[in-house]
C-alpha cells in the first residue's frame, strides 16, 4: 500500500504528491506563491465563493517540504506579518453617555456588517477597550457587526470559523468524523459579543446566515459560543433559546498535553436550521 499523508482534513496519496513534484519540476522559475495558484487551478481547489484556497495550499506544500516529501524553491521574499505587527486598536470617539431606555424606544435596531468598511476600526476599538478578552484578529471566514440604535452603537458581535474538534458539539450533532471534516464550514462561532441582550441574539441568526451566504457562498446551519462560568452565567444566550451542550476540556486547540491550560468554558449552541443534523451529517 502507498503512503497516505493528511493535512487539515485533506488526504494525499503517493500519486498526488508525485503530481506536486512534477508541477514544481515543470515550473522551475515559479515562486512558491505561483506554484500554489497553479496547484489550486489544477485540482480546482476553491472555496465556496469561488476563490482559490491559496493560503491553505501554500501551508500544505510547506508542510510537505518540511517533511521531506517535496522540494520547494527557495523563498524569494519574506512578507511582513501584519498580525504580528498589529498596533492595538485605538479607542473610538463615540457617545458614551449612559443609555437607559425601553427596547421599544430603541427600535428599529440596525445590524450593520462592518468588515472591510471604514466602520471596522470602530468595531475593533470597541472590542479592544470594552471586552474583557480584548480584540484578536479572526482568521478564516469571519464577519463583524455593529448594532445601532438611533444611529448610536449599542452592541458588537464577531463571528468566525468554528474549531474543528469540539466534543460537546460533535456529540450533540451526532455526525461522523468524515461528515465533520466535510461540513465544519457550515458552523459559525461567536468569538466576541460586547453588550449582551437576548433580543439581539434572537435576531442575529437570520442576519448572519444571509450575509454568510452572500460573502462566502454557503450558509451556516449551526452557531456556537463559549461562556466562562467563573465570570458569566450566559443568561442572555439561554433567553434567546441557545442550548448548553457541555464543557470544554480547558486544553485549547493547540495543546500538546492532556492537562488543562486555561479556564473551562461552557459550550452553547443554536440551530439556525431545524434540519441542521441532517445537513451537517451529509457527505458528498
Protein backbone atom coordinates (compact mmCIF):
# COMPACT_ATOMS: atom_id res chain seq x y z
CA UNK A 1 0.00 0.00 0.00
CA UNK A 2 1.17 3.53 -0.76
CA UNK A 3 1.69 6.22 1.79
CA UNK A 4 -1.17 8.42 2.95
CA UNK A 5 -0.47 11.94 4.18
CA UNK A 6 -3.10 14.11 5.87
CA UNK A 7 -3.18 17.85 6.28
CA UNK A 8 -6.13 19.73 7.82
CA UNK A 9 -8.71 17.26 6.59
CA UNK A 10 -7.20 16.76 3.11
CA UNK A 11 -5.76 13.34 2.33
CA UNK A 12 -2.91 12.94 -0.17
CA UNK A 13 -1.55 9.69 -1.62
CA UNK A 14 1.70 8.97 -3.46
CA UNK A 15 0.19 9.81 -6.84
CA UNK A 16 -0.96 13.25 -5.72
CA UNK A 17 2.37 14.03 -4.08
CA UNK A 18 4.14 12.97 -7.27
CA UNK A 19 1.86 15.33 -9.18
CA UNK A 20 3.09 18.20 -6.98
CA UNK A 21 6.70 17.20 -7.64
CA UNK A 22 6.13 17.22 -11.41
CA UNK A 23 4.38 20.58 -11.14
CA UNK A 24 7.44 22.05 -9.39
CA UNK A 25 9.84 20.50 -11.95
CA UNK A 26 7.76 21.81 -14.86
CA UNK A 27 7.87 25.37 -13.48
CA UNK A 28 11.47 25.89 -12.29
CA UNK A 29 11.18 29.70 -12.29
CA UNK A 30 7.89 29.83 -10.42
CA UNK A 31 7.71 31.17 -6.89
CA UNK A 32 6.00 29.34 -4.06
CA UNK A 33 3.06 31.69 -4.44
CA UNK A 34 2.77 30.93 -8.16
CA UNK A 35 3.05 27.18 -7.55
CA UNK A 36 0.23 27.25 -5.02
CA UNK A 37 -2.00 29.08 -7.50
CA UNK A 38 -1.17 26.56 -10.25
CA UNK A 39 -1.93 23.64 -7.92
CA UNK A 40 -5.27 25.16 -6.90
CA UNK A 41 -6.16 25.57 -10.57
CA UNK A 42 -5.09 22.02 -11.44
CA UNK A 43 -7.11 20.50 -8.59
CA UNK A 44 -9.96 23.01 -8.75
CA UNK A 45 -9.28 23.65 -5.09
CA UNK A 46 -11.55 26.60 -4.36
CA UNK A 47 -13.64 28.00 -1.55
CA UNK A 48 -17.42 28.02 -1.68
CA UNK A 49 -17.31 31.59 -3.04
CA UNK A 50 -15.03 30.52 -5.91
CA UNK A 51 -11.77 31.99 -4.58
CA UNK A 52 -8.74 29.65 -4.74
CA UNK A 53 -7.55 28.14 -1.43
CA UNK A 54 -4.08 29.62 -1.96
CA UNK A 55 -3.09 30.18 1.69
CA UNK A 56 -4.15 26.68 2.71
CA UNK A 57 -2.40 25.25 -0.36
CA UNK A 58 0.86 27.08 0.44
CA UNK A 59 0.72 25.89 4.04
CA UNK A 60 0.17 22.31 2.87
CA UNK A 61 3.07 22.49 0.40
CA UNK A 62 5.33 23.95 3.08
CA UNK A 63 4.43 21.10 5.44
CA UNK A 64 5.26 18.58 2.69
CA UNK A 65 8.54 20.39 2.07
CA UNK A 66 9.50 20.32 5.75
CA UNK A 67 8.61 16.62 5.92
CA UNK A 68 10.99 15.96 3.01
CA UNK A 69 8.33 14.76 0.57
CA UNK A 70 8.76 17.60 -1.95
CA UNK A 71 11.41 20.26 -2.60
CA UNK A 72 10.10 23.80 -2.87
CA UNK A 73 12.13 26.61 -4.48
CA UNK A 74 13.95 28.97 -2.12
CA UNK A 75 11.95 31.75 -0.51
CA UNK A 76 12.26 34.87 -2.65
CA UNK A 77 10.60 37.36 -0.37
CA UNK A 78 9.55 37.40 3.27
CA UNK A 79 6.36 39.38 3.60
CA UNK A 80 5.83 41.15 6.91
CA UNK A 81 3.19 39.58 9.10
CA UNK A 82 0.58 42.33 9.65
CA UNK A 83 -0.95 40.39 12.55
CA UNK A 84 2.35 40.08 14.42
CA UNK A 85 3.00 43.82 13.98
CA UNK A 86 -0.58 44.91 14.60
CA UNK A 87 -1.00 48.01 16.70
CA UNK A 88 -3.52 47.95 19.48
CA UNK A 89 -6.81 49.38 18.15
CA UNK A 90 -7.45 52.87 19.38
CA UNK A 91 -10.49 53.67 21.46
CA UNK A 92 -13.10 55.19 19.12
CA UNK A 93 -14.71 58.53 19.82
CA UNK A 94 -18.40 57.76 20.28
CA UNK A 95 -21.20 58.92 22.53
CA UNK A 96 -20.60 57.18 25.87
CA UNK A 97 -23.30 58.80 27.95
CA UNK A 98 -25.41 56.19 29.80
CA UNK A 99 -28.26 54.84 27.71
CA UNK A 100 -31.42 54.00 29.61
CA UNK A 101 -34.48 53.25 27.50
CA UNK A 102 -37.10 50.64 26.79
CA UNK A 103 -36.34 48.33 23.87
CA UNK A 104 -39.44 49.63 22.08
CA UNK A 105 -37.97 53.14 22.21
CA UNK A 106 -34.68 51.98 20.66
CA UNK A 107 -36.21 50.20 17.69
CA UNK A 108 -35.60 49.63 14.91
CA UNK A 109 -32.18 48.19 15.63
CA UNK A 110 -29.84 48.16 12.64
CA UNK A 111 -27.44 45.23 12.22
CA UNK A 112 -24.61 46.64 10.14
CA UNK A 113 -21.96 44.37 8.62
CA UNK A 114 -18.76 46.38 9.07
CA UNK A 115 -15.98 44.05 7.94
CA UNK A 116 -13.88 45.74 5.24
CA UNK A 117 -15.66 49.04 5.75
CA UNK A 118 -14.46 52.26 7.44
CA UNK A 119 -16.53 51.27 10.50
CA UNK A 120 -14.37 48.19 11.12
CA UNK A 121 -11.89 50.32 13.09
CA UNK A 122 -14.75 51.37 15.38
CA UNK A 123 -15.64 47.72 15.96
CA UNK A 124 -12.01 46.76 16.66
CA UNK A 125 -11.56 49.64 19.07
CA UNK A 126 -14.76 49.00 20.99
CA UNK A 127 -13.95 45.31 21.47
CA UNK A 128 -10.33 46.06 22.41
CA UNK A 129 -11.23 48.59 25.08
CA UNK A 130 -14.53 47.25 26.42
CA UNK A 131 -14.44 43.45 26.10
CA UNK A 132 -12.58 41.62 28.87
CA UNK A 133 -10.69 39.48 26.32
CA UNK A 134 -9.77 42.43 24.13
CA UNK A 135 -9.55 42.32 20.35
CA UNK A 136 -7.94 39.46 18.43
CA UNK A 137 -7.88 39.42 14.63
CA UNK A 138 -10.02 36.49 13.41
CA UNK A 139 -8.65 34.06 10.82
CA UNK A 140 -10.53 32.18 8.15
CA UNK A 141 -14.13 33.04 7.34
CA UNK A 142 -15.42 35.73 9.68
CA UNK A 143 -17.89 38.61 9.87
CA UNK A 144 -18.15 41.61 12.19
CA UNK A 145 -21.31 43.50 13.11
CA UNK A 146 -22.15 46.70 14.95
CA UNK A 147 -25.73 47.05 16.11
CA UNK A 148 -27.03 50.63 16.00
CA UNK A 149 -29.98 52.17 17.80
CA UNK A 150 -30.99 55.62 16.52
CA UNK A 151 -27.56 55.96 14.92
CA UNK A 152 -25.67 55.05 18.10
CA UNK A 153 -23.59 51.85 18.52
CA UNK A 154 -25.11 49.61 21.20
CA UNK A 155 -23.52 46.20 20.54
CA UNK A 156 -20.70 44.43 18.69
CA UNK A 157 -20.70 40.81 17.51
CA UNK A 158 -17.87 38.84 15.87
CA UNK A 159 -18.43 35.51 14.11
CA UNK A 160 -15.71 33.25 12.75
CA UNK A 161 -14.95 29.72 11.58
CA UNK A 162 -15.72 27.08 14.19
CA UNK A 163 -12.99 24.96 15.82
CA UNK A 164 -12.57 21.64 14.03
CA UNK A 165 -12.80 19.50 17.17
CA UNK A 166 -15.26 20.24 19.95
CA UNK A 167 -16.51 17.22 21.88
CA UNK A 168 -19.83 18.55 23.29
CA UNK A 169 -20.85 19.98 19.92
CA UNK A 170 -19.83 16.91 17.95
CA UNK A 171 -21.77 14.62 20.27
CA UNK A 172 -24.82 16.91 20.15
CA UNK A 173 -24.84 16.89 16.34
CA UNK A 174 -24.03 13.19 16.13
CA UNK A 175 -22.03 13.46 12.92
CA UNK A 176 -19.22 11.19 11.81
CA UNK A 177 -15.60 12.31 11.57
CA UNK A 178 -15.91 12.37 7.77
CA UNK A 179 -19.08 14.48 7.95
CA UNK A 180 -17.40 16.87 10.38
CA UNK A 181 -14.46 17.38 8.02
CA UNK A 182 -16.82 17.95 5.09
CA UNK A 183 -19.27 20.26 6.85
CA UNK A 184 -17.43 22.17 9.57
CA UNK A 185 -17.64 25.32 7.44
CA UNK A 186 -21.42 25.38 7.99
CA UNK A 187 -20.94 26.27 11.67
CA UNK A 188 -20.14 29.78 12.87
CA UNK A 189 -18.50 30.58 16.20
CA UNK A 190 -19.47 33.67 18.19
CA UNK A 191 -15.97 34.74 19.25
CA UNK A 192 -16.87 38.14 20.73
CA UNK A 193 -20.09 39.70 21.98
CA UNK A 194 -20.00 43.14 23.54
CA UNK A 195 -23.06 44.38 25.45
CA UNK A 196 -25.32 41.38 25.90
CA UNK A 197 -29.04 41.27 25.08
CA UNK A 198 -31.26 38.33 24.22
CA UNK A 199 -33.20 40.39 21.66
CA UNK A 200 -30.07 40.93 19.58
CA UNK A 201 -29.09 37.27 19.87
CA UNK A 202 -32.57 36.27 18.78
CA UNK A 203 -32.38 38.34 15.59
CA UNK A 204 -28.75 37.65 14.76
CA UNK A 205 -29.06 34.12 13.21
CA UNK A 206 -31.22 35.28 10.28
CA UNK A 207 -28.94 38.24 9.55
CA UNK A 208 -25.77 36.17 9.88
CA UNK A 209 -26.94 33.28 7.68
CA UNK A 210 -27.97 35.70 4.93
CA UNK A 211 -24.69 37.62 5.00
CA UNK A 212 -22.53 34.47 5.25
CA UNK A 213 -24.22 33.11 2.12
CA UNK A 214 -23.59 36.36 0.28
CA UNK A 215 -19.95 36.79 1.35
CA UNK A 216 -18.70 33.17 1.40
CA UNK A 217 -21.12 31.39 -0.91
CA UNK A 218 -22.58 29.00 1.65
CA UNK A 219 -25.00 29.21 4.60
CA UNK A 220 -24.42 28.38 8.24
CA UNK A 221 -26.69 25.79 9.87
CA UNK A 222 -25.49 25.96 13.47
CA UNK A 223 -23.97 28.54 15.81
CA UNK A 224 -21.80 28.03 18.86
CA UNK A 225 -20.06 30.03 21.55
CA UNK A 226 -18.15 29.64 24.81
CA UNK A 227 -19.13 31.18 28.16
CA UNK A 228 -16.73 31.37 31.08
CA UNK A 229 -18.90 30.31 34.08
CA UNK A 230 -16.45 31.86 36.51
CA UNK A 231 -17.42 35.26 35.07
CA UNK A 232 -20.82 34.90 33.42
CA UNK A 233 -23.97 32.79 33.55
CA UNK A 234 -24.85 33.08 29.86
CA UNK A 235 -28.37 34.20 30.74
CA UNK A 236 -28.91 36.21 27.56
CA UNK A 237 -27.94 33.22 25.41
CA UNK A 238 -30.34 30.94 27.26
CA UNK A 239 -33.09 33.54 26.97
CA UNK A 240 -32.51 33.53 23.20
CA UNK A 241 -33.01 29.71 23.12
CA UNK A 242 -29.34 28.73 22.94
CA UNK A 243 -28.71 25.25 24.39
CA UNK A 244 -25.95 24.24 26.81
CA UNK A 245 -24.02 21.43 25.07
CA UNK A 246 -21.41 20.68 27.73
CA UNK A 247 -17.96 21.92 28.75
CA UNK A 248 -14.60 22.33 27.10
CA UNK A 249 -11.60 20.36 28.33
CA UNK A 250 -9.66 23.54 29.07
CA UNK A 251 -6.81 22.47 26.78
CA UNK A 252 -7.34 24.69 23.74
CA UNK A 253 -6.93 23.72 20.09
CA UNK A 254 -3.10 23.86 20.10
CA UNK A 255 -2.48 21.98 23.33
CA UNK A 256 0.15 19.22 23.19
CA UNK A 257 -0.82 17.61 26.50
CA UNK A 258 -3.97 16.31 28.18
CA UNK A 259 -3.74 18.78 31.05
CA UNK A 260 -5.96 21.91 31.13
CA UNK A 261 -4.02 25.11 30.44
CA UNK A 262 -6.92 27.59 30.53
CA UNK A 263 -10.31 28.05 32.18
CA UNK A 264 -13.01 25.51 31.39
CA UNK A 265 -15.87 27.05 29.39
CA UNK A 266 -19.48 26.16 28.86
CA UNK A 267 -20.31 25.34 25.24
CA UNK A 268 -23.62 26.70 23.96
CA UNK A 269 -25.20 26.05 20.58
CA UNK A 270 -28.06 27.34 18.46
CA UNK A 271 -29.71 25.61 15.48
CA UNK A 272 -30.23 28.09 12.64
CA UNK A 273 -31.99 25.42 10.57
CA UNK A 274 -34.39 22.84 12.05
CA UNK A 275 -32.82 20.04 9.97
CA UNK A 276 -29.26 21.01 10.93
CA UNK A 277 -28.31 17.47 11.96
CA UNK A 278 -29.30 16.10 8.56
CA UNK A 279 -27.44 18.83 6.66
CA UNK A 280 -24.30 18.58 8.80
CA UNK A 281 -24.18 14.77 8.54
CA UNK A 282 -24.37 14.59 4.76
CA UNK A 283 -21.24 13.63 2.82
CA UNK A 284 -20.77 14.29 -0.87
